[in-house]
Amino acid sequence: SCAASRFRVSIYAVGWYRQAPGKQRELVASITGGDSTNYADSAK
């Protein structure tokens, strides 16, 4: 869960990223205010 404050998640895009030890942070999934979603291949 990602609880947001001071802005509306219904308006702005929010993404989940992850970072494993020794690796760069990478996008896992995102969702826009218009309900468009995007997933990393590893998450699909």
ModelCIF file with pLDDT and N, C-alpha, C, O atoms, coordinates in Angstrom:
data_MODEL
#
_entry.id   MODEL 
#
_entity.id                         1 
_entity.type                       polymer 
_entity.pdbx_number_of_molecules   1 
#
_entity_poly.entity_id                      1 
_entity_poly.type                           'polypeptide(L)' 
_entity_poly.nstd_linkage                   no 
_entity_poly.nstd_monomer                   no 
_entity_poly.pdbx_seq_one_letter_code       SCAASRFRVSIYAVGWYRQAPGKQRELVASITGGDSTNYADSAK 
_entity_poly.pdbx_seq_one_letter_code_can   SCAASRFRVSIYAVGWYRQAPGKQRELVASITGGDSTNYADSAK 
_entity_poly.pdbx_strand_id                 A 
#
loop_
_entity_poly_seq.entity_id 
_entity_poly_seq.num 
_entity_poly_seq.mon_id 
_entity_poly_seq.hetero 
1 1  SER n 
1 2  CYS n 
1 3  ALA n 
1 4  ALA n 
1 5  SER n 
1 6  ARG n 
1 7  PHE n 
1 8  ARG n 
1 9  VAL n 
1 10 SER n 
1 11 ILE n 
1 12 TYR n 
1 13 ALA n 
1 14 VAL n 
1 15 GLY n 
1 16 TRP n 
1 17 TYR n 
1 18 ARG n 
1 19 GLN n 
1 20 ALA n 
1 21 PRO n 
1 22 GLY n 
1 23 LYS n 
1 24 GLN n 
1 25 ARG n 
1 26 GLU n 
1 27 LEU n 
1 28 VAL n 
1 29 ALA n 
1 30 SER n 
1 31 ILE n 
1 32 THR n 
1 33 GLY n 
1 34 GLY n 
1 35 ASP n 
1 36 SER n 
1 37 THR n 
1 38 ASN n 
1 39 TYR n 
1 40 ALA n 
1 41 ASP n 
1 42 SER n 
1 43 ALA n 
1 44 LYS n 
#
_struct_asym.id          A 
_struct_asym.entity_id   1 
#
loop_
_ma_qa_metric.id 
_ma_qa_metric.mode 
_ma_qa_metric.name 
_ma_qa_metric.software_group_id 
_ma_qa_metric.type 
1 global pLDDT . pLDDT 
2 local  pLDDT . pLDDT 
#
_ma_qa_metric_global.metric_id      1 
_ma_qa_metric_global.metric_value   95.43 
_ma_qa_metric_global.model_id       1 
_ma_qa_metric_global.ordinal_id     1 
#
loop_
_ma_qa_metric_local.label_asym_id 
_ma_qa_metric_local.label_comp_id 
_ma_qa_metric_local.label_seq_id 
_ma_qa_metric_local.metric_id 
_ma_qa_metric_local.metric_value 
_ma_qa_metric_local.model_id 
_ma_qa_metric_local.ordinal_id 
A SER 1  2 98.00 1 1  
A CYS 2  2 98.00 1 2  
A ALA 3  2 98.00 1 3  
A ALA 4  2 97.00 1 4  
A SER 5  2 95.00 1 5  
A ARG 6  2 94.00 1 6  
A PHE 7  2 94.00 1 7  
A ARG 8  2 94.00 1 8  
A VAL 9  2 93.00 1 9  
A SER 10 2 90.00 1 10 
A ILE 11 2 92.00 1 11 
A TYR 12 2 93.00 1 12 
A ALA 13 2 94.00 1 13 
A VAL 14 2 96.00 1 14 
A GLY 15 2 97.00 1 15 
A TRP 16 2 98.00 1 16 
A TYR 17 2 98.00 1 17 
A ARG 18 2 98.00 1 18 
A GLN 19 2 98.00 1 19 
A ALA 20 2 97.00 1 20 
A PRO 21 2 92.00 1 21 
A GLY 22 2 94.00 1 22 
A LYS 23 2 96.00 1 23 
A GLN 24 2 97.00 1 24 
A ARG 25 2 97.00 1 25 
A GLU 26 2 98.00 1 26 
A LEU 27 2 98.00 1 27 
A VAL 28 2 98.00 1 28 
A ALA 29 2 98.00 1 29 
A SER 30 2 97.00 1 30 
A ILE 31 2 96.00 1 31 
A THR 32 2 92.00 1 32 
A GLY 33 2 87.00 1 33 
A GLY 34 2 87.00 1 34 
A ASP 35 2 88.00 1 35 
A SER 36 2 94.00 1 36 
A THR 37 2 97.00 1 37 
A ASN 38 2 97.00 1 38 
A TYR 39 2 98.00 1 39 
A ALA 40 2 98.00 1 40 
A ASP 41 2 97.00 1 41 
A SER 42 2 97.00 1 42 
A ALA 43 2 97.00 1 43 
A LYS 44 2 97.00 1 44 
#
loop_
_atom_site.group_PDB 
_atom_site.id 
_atom_site.type_symbol 
_atom_site.label_atom_id 
_atom_site.label_alt_id 
_atom_site.label_comp_id 
_atom_site.label_asym_id 
_atom_site.label_entity_id 
_atom_site.label_seq_id 
_atom_site.pdbx_PDB_ins_code 
_atom_site.Cartn_x 
_atom_site.Cartn_y 
_atom_site.Cartn_z 
_atom_site.occupancy 
_atom_site.B_iso_or_equiv 
_atom_site.pdbx_formal_charge 
_atom_site.auth_seq_id 
_atom_site.auth_comp_id 
_atom_site.auth_asym_id 
_atom_site.auth_atom_id 
_atom_site.pdbx_PDB_model_num 
ATOM 1   N N  . SER A 1 1  ? 0.843  -1.192  0.000   1.00 98.00 ? 1  SER A N  1 
ATOM 2   C CA . SER A 1 1  ? 0.000  0.000   0.000   1.00 98.00 ? 1  SER A CA 1 
ATOM 3   C C  . SER A 1 1  ? 0.879  1.243   0.000   1.00 98.00 ? 1  SER A C  1 
ATOM 4   O O  . SER A 1 1  ? 1.945  1.273   0.614   1.00 98.00 ? 1  SER A O  1 
ATOM 5   N N  . CYS A 1 2  ? 0.414  2.253   -0.693  1.00 98.00 ? 2  CYS A N  1 
ATOM 6   C CA . CYS A 1 2  ? 1.082  3.558   -0.720  1.00 98.00 ? 2  CYS A CA 1 
ATOM 7   C C  . CYS A 1 2  ? 0.034  4.609   -0.385  1.00 98.00 ? 2  CYS A C  1 
ATOM 8   O O  . CYS A 1 2  ? -0.790 4.968   -1.226  1.00 98.00 ? 2  CYS A O  1 
ATOM 9   N N  . ALA A 1 3  ? 0.072  5.093   0.833   1.00 98.00 ? 3  ALA A N  1 
ATOM 10  C CA . ALA A 1 3  ? -0.878 6.109   1.276   1.00 98.00 ? 3  ALA A CA 1 
ATOM 11  C C  . ALA A 1 3  ? -0.301 7.484   0.991   1.00 98.00 ? 3  ALA A C  1 
ATOM 12  O O  . ALA A 1 3  ? 0.793  7.818   1.444   1.00 98.00 ? 3  ALA A O  1 
ATOM 13  N N  . ALA A 1 4  ? -1.048 8.276   0.236   1.00 97.00 ? 4  ALA A N  1 
ATOM 14  C CA . ALA A 1 4  ? -0.579 9.596   -0.184  1.00 97.00 ? 4  ALA A CA 1 
ATOM 15  C C  . ALA A 1 4  ? -1.287 10.695  0.600   1.00 97.00 ? 4  ALA A C  1 
ATOM 16  O O  . ALA A 1 4  ? -2.442 10.555  1.003   1.00 97.00 ? 4  ALA A O  1 
ATOM 17  N N  . SER A 1 5  ? -0.572 11.778  0.800   1.00 95.00 ? 5  SER A N  1 
ATOM 18  C CA . SER A 1 5  ? -1.177 12.948  1.440   1.00 95.00 ? 5  SER A CA 1 
ATOM 19  C C  . SER A 1 5  ? -0.735 14.202  0.704   1.00 95.00 ? 5  SER A C  1 
ATOM 20  O O  . SER A 1 5  ? 0.357  14.262  0.139   1.00 95.00 ? 5  SER A O  1 
ATOM 21  N N  . ARG A 1 6  ? -1.596 15.184  0.724   1.00 94.00 ? 6  ARG A N  1 
ATOM 22  C CA . ARG A 1 6  ? -1.377 16.504  0.137   1.00 94.00 ? 6  ARG A CA 1 
ATOM 23  C C  . ARG A 1 6  ? -1.485 16.528  -1.379  1.00 94.00 ? 6  ARG A C  1 
ATOM 24  O O  . ARG A 1 6  ? -1.198 17.551  -2.000  1.00 94.00 ? 6  ARG A O  1 
ATOM 25  N N  . PHE A 1 7  ? -1.894 15.421  -1.984  1.00 94.00 ? 7  PHE A N  1 
ATOM 26  C CA . PHE A 1 7  ? -2.239 15.446  -3.401  1.00 94.00 ? 7  PHE A CA 1 
ATOM 27  C C  . PHE A 1 7  ? -3.175 14.281  -3.668  1.00 94.00 ? 7  PHE A C  1 
ATOM 28  O O  . PHE A 1 7  ? -3.238 13.338  -2.879  1.00 94.00 ? 7  PHE A O  1 
ATOM 29  N N  . ARG A 1 8  ? -3.893 14.340  -4.762  1.00 94.00 ? 8  ARG A N  1 
ATOM 30  C CA . ARG A 1 8  ? -4.892 13.332  -5.090  1.00 94.00 ? 8  ARG A CA 1 
ATOM 31  C C  . ARG A 1 8  ? -4.298 12.284  -6.027  1.00 94.00 ? 8  ARG A C  1 
ATOM 32  O O  . ARG A 1 8  ? -3.832 12.614  -7.117  1.00 94.00 ? 8  ARG A O  1 
ATOM 33  N N  . VAL A 1 9  ? -4.315 11.014  -5.597  1.00 93.00 ? 9  VAL A N  1 
ATOM 34  C CA . VAL A 1 9  ? -3.841 9.952   -6.477  1.00 93.00 ? 9  VAL A CA 1 
ATOM 35  C C  . VAL A 1 9  ? -4.782 9.766   -7.662  1.00 93.00 ? 9  VAL A C  1 
ATOM 36  O O  . VAL A 1 9  ? -4.422 9.119   -8.645  1.00 93.00 ? 9  VAL A O  1 
ATOM 37  N N  . SER A 1 10 ? -5.985 10.331  -7.573  1.00 90.00 ? 10 SER A N  1 
ATOM 38  C CA . SER A 1 10 ? -6.927 10.220  -8.686  1.00 90.00 ? 10 SER A CA 1 
ATOM 39  C C  . SER A 1 10 ? -6.556 11.159  -9.828  1.00 90.00 ? 10 SER A C  1 
ATOM 40  O O  . SER A 1 10 ? -7.088 11.047  -10.932 1.00 90.00 ? 10 SER A O  1 
ATOM 41  N N  . ILE A 1 11 ? -5.643 12.081  -9.555  1.00 92.00 ? 11 ILE A N  1 
ATOM 42  C CA . ILE A 1 11 ? -5.274 13.077  -10.561 1.00 92.00 ? 11 ILE A CA 1 
ATOM 43  C C  . ILE A 1 11 ? -3.866 12.823  -11.112 1.00 92.00 ? 11 ILE A C  1 
ATOM 44  O O  . ILE A 1 11 ? -3.630 12.929  -12.316 1.00 92.00 ? 11 ILE A O  1 
ATOM 45  N N  . TYR A 1 12 ? -2.949 12.491  -10.220 1.00 93.00 ? 12 TYR A N  1 
ATOM 46  C CA . TYR A 1 12 ? -1.552 12.342  -10.614 1.00 93.00 ? 12 TYR A CA 1 
ATOM 47  C C  . TYR A 1 12 ? -1.155 10.875  -10.759 1.00 93.00 ? 12 TYR A C  1 
ATOM 48  O O  . TYR A 1 12 ? -1.698 10.002  -10.082 1.00 93.00 ? 12 TYR A O  1 
ATOM 49  N N  . ALA A 1 13 ? -0.214 10.623  -11.641 1.00 94.00 ? 13 ALA A N  1 
ATOM 50  C CA . ALA A 1 13 ? 0.313  9.272   -11.807 1.00 94.00 ? 13 ALA A CA 1 
ATOM 51  C C  . ALA A 1 13 ? 1.149  8.883   -10.592 1.00 94.00 ? 13 ALA A C  1 
ATOM 52  O O  . ALA A 1 13 ? 1.888  9.693   -10.033 1.00 94.00 ? 13 ALA A O  1 
ATOM 53  N N  . VAL A 1 14 ? 1.010  7.645   -10.211 1.00 96.00 ? 14 VAL A N  1 
ATOM 54  C CA . VAL A 1 14 ? 1.791  7.089   -9.107  1.00 96.00 ? 14 VAL A CA 1 
ATOM 55  C C  . VAL A 1 14 ? 2.437  5.807   -9.598  1.00 96.00 ? 14 VAL A C  1 
ATOM 56  O O  . VAL A 1 14 ? 1.814  5.002   -10.292 1.00 96.00 ? 14 VAL A O  1 
ATOM 57  N N  . GLY A 1 15 ? 3.680  5.634   -9.230  1.00 97.00 ? 15 GLY A N  1 
ATOM 58  C CA . GLY A 1 15 ? 4.403  4.437   -9.655  1.00 97.00 ? 15 GLY A CA 1 
ATOM 59  C C  . GLY A 1 15 ? 4.993  3.677   -8.491  1.00 97.00 ? 15 GLY A C  1 
ATOM 60  O O  . GLY A 1 15 ? 5.293  4.242   -7.439  1.00 97.00 ? 15 GLY A O  1 
ATOM 61  N N  . TRP A 1 16 ? 5.154  2.382   -8.701  1.00 98.00 ? 16 TRP A N  1 
ATOM 62  C CA . TRP A 1 16 ? 5.899  1.527   -7.767  1.00 98.00 ? 16 TRP A CA 1 
ATOM 63  C C  . TRP A 1 16 ? 7.233  1.183   -8.411  1.00 98.00 ? 16 TRP A C  1 
ATOM 64  O O  . TRP A 1 16 ? 7.289  0.728   -9.553  1.00 98.00 ? 16 TRP A O  1 
ATOM 65  N N  . TYR A 1 17 ? 8.291  1.405   -7.670  1.00 98.00 ? 17 TYR A N  1 
ATOM 66  C CA . TYR A 1 17 ? 9.637  1.073   -8.100  1.00 98.00 ? 17 TYR A CA 1 
ATOM 67  C C  . TYR A 1 17 ? 10.224 0.081   -7.094  1.00 98.00 ? 17 TYR A C  1 
ATOM 68  O O  . TYR A 1 17 ? 9.713  -0.090  -5.988  1.00 98.00 ? 17 TYR A O  1 
ATOM 69  N N  . ARG A 1 18 ? 11.301 -0.560  -7.511  1.00 98.00 ? 18 ARG A N  1 
ATOM 70  C CA . ARG A 1 18 ? 12.004 -1.431  -6.565  1.00 98.00 ? 18 ARG A CA 1 
ATOM 71  C C  . ARG A 1 18 ? 13.504 -1.337  -6.807  1.00 98.00 ? 18 ARG A C  1 
ATOM 72  O O  . ARG A 1 18 ? 13.967 -1.030  -7.905  1.00 98.00 ? 18 ARG A O  1 
ATOM 73  N N  . GLN A 1 19 ? 14.239 -1.613  -5.745  1.00 98.00 ? 19 GLN A N  1 
ATOM 74  C CA . GLN A 1 19 ? 15.696 -1.595  -5.836  1.00 98.00 ? 19 GLN A CA 1 
ATOM 75  C C  . GLN A 1 19 ? 16.242 -2.771  -5.053  1.00 98.00 ? 19 GLN A C  1 
ATOM 76  O O  . GLN A 1 19 ? 16.070 -2.866  -3.837  1.00 98.00 ? 19 GLN A O  1 
ATOM 77  N N  . ALA A 1 20 ? 16.896 -3.654  -5.763  1.00 97.00 ? 20 ALA A N  1 
ATOM 78  C CA . ALA A 1 20 ? 17.553 -4.798  -5.143  1.00 97.00 ? 20 ALA A CA 1 
ATOM 79  C C  . ALA A 1 20 ? 18.994 -4.420  -4.824  1.00 97.00 ? 20 ALA A C  1 
ATOM 80  O O  . ALA A 1 20 ? 19.543 -3.508  -5.443  1.00 97.00 ? 20 ALA A O  1 
ATOM 81  N N  . PRO A 1 21 ? 19.612 -5.104  -3.871  1.00 92.00 ? 21 PRO A N  1 
ATOM 82  C CA . PRO A 1 21 ? 21.000 -4.786  -3.519  1.00 92.00 ? 21 PRO A CA 1 
ATOM 83  C C  . PRO A 1 21 ? 21.918 -4.842  -4.733  1.00 92.00 ? 21 PRO A C  1 
ATOM 84  O O  . PRO A 1 21 ? 21.920 -5.819  -5.482  1.00 92.00 ? 21 PRO A O  1 
ATOM 85  N N  . GLY A 1 22 ? 22.695 -3.783  -4.916  1.00 94.00 ? 22 GLY A N  1 
ATOM 86  C CA . GLY A 1 22 ? 23.651 -3.742  -6.007  1.00 94.00 ? 22 GLY A CA 1 
ATOM 87  C C  . GLY A 1 22 ? 23.050 -3.445  -7.366  1.00 94.00 ? 22 GLY A C  1 
ATOM 88  O O  . GLY A 1 22 ? 23.756 -3.466  -8.374  1.00 94.00 ? 22 GLY A O  1 
ATOM 89  N N  . LYS A 1 23 ? 21.753 -3.167  -7.405  1.00 96.00 ? 23 LYS A N  1 
ATOM 90  C CA . LYS A 1 23 ? 21.097 -2.895  -8.684  1.00 96.00 ? 23 LYS A CA 1 
ATOM 91  C C  . LYS A 1 23 ? 20.468 -1.515  -8.685  1.00 96.00 ? 23 LYS A C  1 
ATOM 92  O O  . LYS A 1 23 ? 20.252 -0.914  -7.633  1.00 96.00 ? 23 LYS A O  1 
ATOM 93  N N  . GLN A 1 24 ? 20.178 -1.022  -9.882  1.00 97.00 ? 24 GLN A N  1 
ATOM 94  C CA . GLN A 1 24 ? 19.523 0.267   -10.006 1.00 97.00 ? 24 GLN A CA 1 
ATOM 95  C C  . GLN A 1 24 ? 18.036 0.151   -9.689  1.00 97.00 ? 24 GLN A C  1 
ATOM 96  O O  . GLN A 1 24 ? 17.424 -0.908  -9.831  1.00 97.00 ? 24 GLN A O  1 
ATOM 97  N N  . ARG A 1 25 ? 17.490 1.257   -9.263  1.00 97.00 ? 25 ARG A N  1 
ATOM 98  C CA . ARG A 1 25 ? 16.051 1.299   -9.014  1.00 97.00 ? 25 ARG A CA 1 
ATOM 99  C C  . ARG A 1 25 ? 15.334 1.177   -10.359 1.00 97.00 ? 25 ARG A C  1 
ATOM 100 O O  . ARG A 1 25 ? 15.729 1.794   -11.349 1.00 97.00 ? 25 ARG A O  1 
ATOM 101 N N  . GLU A 1 26 ? 14.277 0.371   -10.373 1.00 98.00 ? 26 GLU A N  1 
ATOM 102 C CA . GLU A 1 26 ? 13.556 0.137   -11.619 1.00 98.00 ? 26 GLU A CA 1 
ATOM 103 C C  . GLU A 1 26 ? 12.056 0.270   -11.399 1.00 98.00 ? 26 GLU A C  1 
ATOM 104 O O  . GLU A 1 26 ? 11.537 -0.008  -10.318 1.00 98.00 ? 26 GLU A O  1 
ATOM 105 N N  . LEU A 1 27 ? 11.379 0.700   -12.453 1.00 98.00 ? 27 LEU A N  1 
ATOM 106 C CA . LEU A 1 27 ? 9.926  0.813   -12.406 1.00 98.00 ? 27 LEU A CA 1 
ATOM 107 C C  . LEU A 1 27 ? 9.308  -0.580  -12.450 1.00 98.00 ? 27 LEU A C  1 
ATOM 108 O O  . LEU A 1 27 ? 9.692  -1.424  -13.259 1.00 98.00 ? 27 LEU A O  1 
ATOM 109 N N  . VAL A 1 28 ? 8.347  -0.799  -11.566 1.00 98.00 ? 28 VAL A N  1 
ATOM 110 C CA . VAL A 1 28 ? 7.606  -2.053  -11.540 1.00 98.00 ? 28 VAL A CA 1 
ATOM 111 C C  . VAL A 1 28 ? 6.238  -1.875  -12.201 1.00 98.00 ? 28 VAL A C  1 
ATOM 112 O O  . VAL A 1 28 ? 5.843  -2.666  -13.057 1.00 98.00 ? 28 VAL A O  1 
ATOM 113 N N  . ALA A 1 29 ? 5.530  -0.835  -11.795 1.00 98.00 ? 29 ALA A N  1 
ATOM 114 C CA . ALA A 1 29 ? 4.195  -0.585  -12.340 1.00 98.00 ? 29 ALA A CA 1 
ATOM 115 C C  . ALA A 1 29 ? 3.817  0.856   -12.054 1.00 98.00 ? 29 ALA A C  1 
ATOM 116 O O  . ALA A 1 29 ? 4.324  1.466   -11.112 1.00 98.00 ? 29 ALA A O  1 
ATOM 117 N N  . SER A 1 30 ? 2.927  1.395   -12.868 1.00 97.00 ? 30 SER A N  1 
ATOM 118 C CA . SER A 1 30 ? 2.436  2.745   -12.645 1.00 97.00 ? 30 SER A CA 1 
ATOM 119 C C  . SER A 1 30 ? 0.983  2.828   -13.067 1.00 97.00 ? 30 SER A C  1 
ATOM 120 O O  . SER A 1 30 ? 0.490  2.030   -13.865 1.00 97.00 ? 30 SER A O  1 
ATOM 121 N N  . ILE A 1 31 ? 0.310  3.832   -12.497 1.00 96.00 ? 31 ILE A N  1 
ATOM 122 C CA . ILE A 1 31 ? -1.087 4.075   -12.836 1.00 96.00 ? 31 ILE A CA 1 
ATOM 123 C C  . ILE A 1 31 ? -1.294 5.571   -12.939 1.00 96.00 ? 31 ILE A C  1 
ATOM 124 O O  . ILE A 1 31 ? -0.840 6.330   -12.083 1.00 96.00 ? 31 ILE A O  1 
ATOM 125 N N  . THR A 1 32 ? -1.982 5.993   -13.988 1.00 92.00 ? 32 THR A N  1 
ATOM 126 C CA . THR A 1 32 ? -2.220 7.415   -14.198 1.00 92.00 ? 32 THR A CA 1 
ATOM 127 C C  . THR A 1 32 ? -3.575 7.822   -13.633 1.00 92.00 ? 32 THR A C  1 
ATOM 128 O O  . THR A 1 32 ? -4.378 6.988   -13.213 1.00 92.00 ? 32 THR A O  1 
ATOM 129 N N  . GLY A 1 33 ? -3.799 9.129   -13.638 1.00 87.00 ? 33 GLY A N  1 
ATOM 130 C CA . GLY A 1 33 ? -5.093 9.612   -13.201 1.00 87.00 ? 33 GLY A CA 1 
ATOM 131 C C  . GLY A 1 33 ? -6.228 9.130   -14.088 1.00 87.00 ? 33 GLY A C  1 
ATOM 132 O O  . GLY A 1 33 ? -7.378 9.042   -13.657 1.00 87.00 ? 33 GLY A O  1 
ATOM 133 N N  . GLY A 1 34 ? -5.889 8.821   -15.330 1.00 87.00 ? 34 GLY A N  1 
ATOM 134 C CA . GLY A 1 34 ? -6.886 8.312   -16.259 1.00 87.00 ? 34 GLY A CA 1 
ATOM 135 C C  . GLY A 1 34 ? -7.013 6.803   -16.243 1.00 87.00 ? 34 GLY A C  1 
ATOM 136 O O  . GLY A 1 34 ? -7.641 6.215   -17.122 1.00 87.00 ? 34 GLY A O  1 
ATOM 137 N N  . ASP A 1 35 ? -6.407 6.170   -15.229 1.00 88.00 ? 35 ASP A N  1 
ATOM 138 C CA . ASP A 1 35 ? -6.487 4.716   -15.041 1.00 88.00 ? 35 ASP A CA 1 
ATOM 139 C C  . ASP A 1 35 ? -5.659 3.908   -16.033 1.00 88.00 ? 35 ASP A C  1 
ATOM 140 O O  . ASP A 1 35 ? -5.816 2.690   -16.115 1.00 88.00 ? 35 ASP A O  1 
ATOM 141 N N  . SER A 1 36 ? -4.795 4.554   -16.775 1.00 94.00 ? 36 SER A N  1 
ATOM 142 C CA . SER A 1 36 ? -3.873 3.786   -17.613 1.00 94.00 ? 36 SER A CA 1 
ATOM 143 C C  . SER A 1 36 ? -2.804 3.159   -16.732 1.00 94.00 ? 36 SER A C  1 
ATOM 144 O O  . SER A 1 36 ? -2.277 3.798   -15.821 1.00 94.00 ? 36 SER A O  1 
ATOM 145 N N  . THR A 1 37 ? -2.496 1.916   -17.011 1.00 97.00 ? 37 THR A N  1 
ATOM 146 C CA . THR A 1 37 ? -1.484 1.212   -16.224 1.00 97.00 ? 37 THR A CA 1 
ATOM 147 C C  . THR A 1 37 ? -0.332 0.780   -17.125 1.00 97.00 ? 37 THR A C  1 
ATOM 148 O O  . THR A 1 37 ? -0.484 0.589   -18.331 1.00 97.00 ? 37 THR A O  1 
ATOM 149 N N  . ASN A 1 38 ? 0.805  0.637   -16.495 1.00 97.00 ? 38 ASN A N  1 
ATOM 150 C CA . ASN A 1 38 ? 2.007  0.215   -17.208 1.00 97.00 ? 38 ASN A CA 1 
ATOM 151 C C  . ASN A 1 38 ? 2.783  -0.718  -16.283 1.00 97.00 ? 38 ASN A C  1 
ATOM 152 O O  . ASN A 1 38 ? 2.914  -0.458  -15.087 1.00 97.00 ? 38 ASN A O  1 
ATOM 153 N N  . TYR A 1 39 ? 3.290  -1.802  -16.850 1.00 98.00 ? 39 TYR A N  1 
ATOM 154 C CA . TYR A 1 39 ? 4.002  -2.786  -16.055 1.00 98.00 ? 39 TYR A CA 1 
ATOM 155 C C  . TYR A 1 39 ? 5.345  -3.117  -16.686 1.00 98.00 ? 39 TYR A C  1 
ATOM 156 O O  . TYR A 1 39 ? 5.481  -3.150  -17.909 1.00 98.00 ? 39 TYR A O  1 
ATOM 157 N N  . ALA A 1 40 ? 6.326  -3.360  -15.841 1.00 98.00 ? 40 ALA A N  1 
ATOM 158 C CA . ALA A 1 40 ? 7.577  -3.932  -16.311 1.00 98.00 ? 40 ALA A CA 1 
ATOM 159 C C  . ALA A 1 40 ? 7.299  -5.351  -16.806 1.00 98.00 ? 40 ALA A C  1 
ATOM 160 O O  . ALA A 1 40 ? 6.372  -6.014  -16.341 1.00 98.00 ? 40 ALA A O  1 
ATOM 161 N N  . ASP A 1 41 ? 8.101  -5.794  -17.737 1.00 97.00 ? 41 ASP A N  1 
ATOM 162 C CA . ASP A 1 41 ? 7.903  -7.146  -18.272 1.00 97.00 ? 41 ASP A CA 1 
ATOM 163 C C  . ASP A 1 41 ? 7.931  -8.188  -17.156 1.00 97.00 ? 41 ASP A C  1 
ATOM 164 O O  . ASP A 1 41 ? 7.199  -9.177  -17.195 1.00 97.00 ? 41 ASP A O  1 
ATOM 165 N N  . SER A 1 42 ? 8.778  -7.953  -16.172 1.00 97.00 ? 42 SER A N  1 
ATOM 166 C CA . SER A 1 42 ? 8.916  -8.912  -15.076 1.00 97.00 ? 42 SER A CA 1 
ATOM 167 C C  . SER A 1 42 ? 7.669  -8.975  -14.193 1.00 97.00 ? 42 SER A C  1 
ATOM 168 O O  . SER A 1 42 ? 7.475  -9.938  -13.451 1.00 97.00 ? 42 SER A O  1 
ATOM 169 N N  . ALA A 1 43 ? 6.828  -7.943  -14.279 1.00 97.00 ? 43 ALA A N  1 
ATOM 170 C CA . ALA A 1 43 ? 5.639  -7.867  -13.430 1.00 97.00 ? 43 ALA A CA 1 
ATOM 171 C C  . ALA A 1 43 ? 4.360  -8.288  -14.149 1.00 97.00 ? 43 ALA A C  1 
ATOM 172 O O  . ALA A 1 43 ? 3.364  -8.623  -13.508 1.00 97.00 ? 43 ALA A O  1 
ATOM 173 N N  . LYS A 1 44 ? 4.390  -8.270  -15.451 1.00 97.00 ? 44 LYS A N  1 
ATOM 174 C CA . LYS A 1 44 ? 3.181  -8.562  -16.225 1.00 97.00 ? 44 LYS A CA 1 
ATOM 175 C C  . LYS A 1 44 ? 2.656  -9.965  -15.918 1.00 97.00 ? 44 LYS A C  1 
ATOM 176 O O  . LYS A 1 44 ? 1.643  -10.381 -16.480 1.00 97.00 ? 44 LYS A O  1 
#
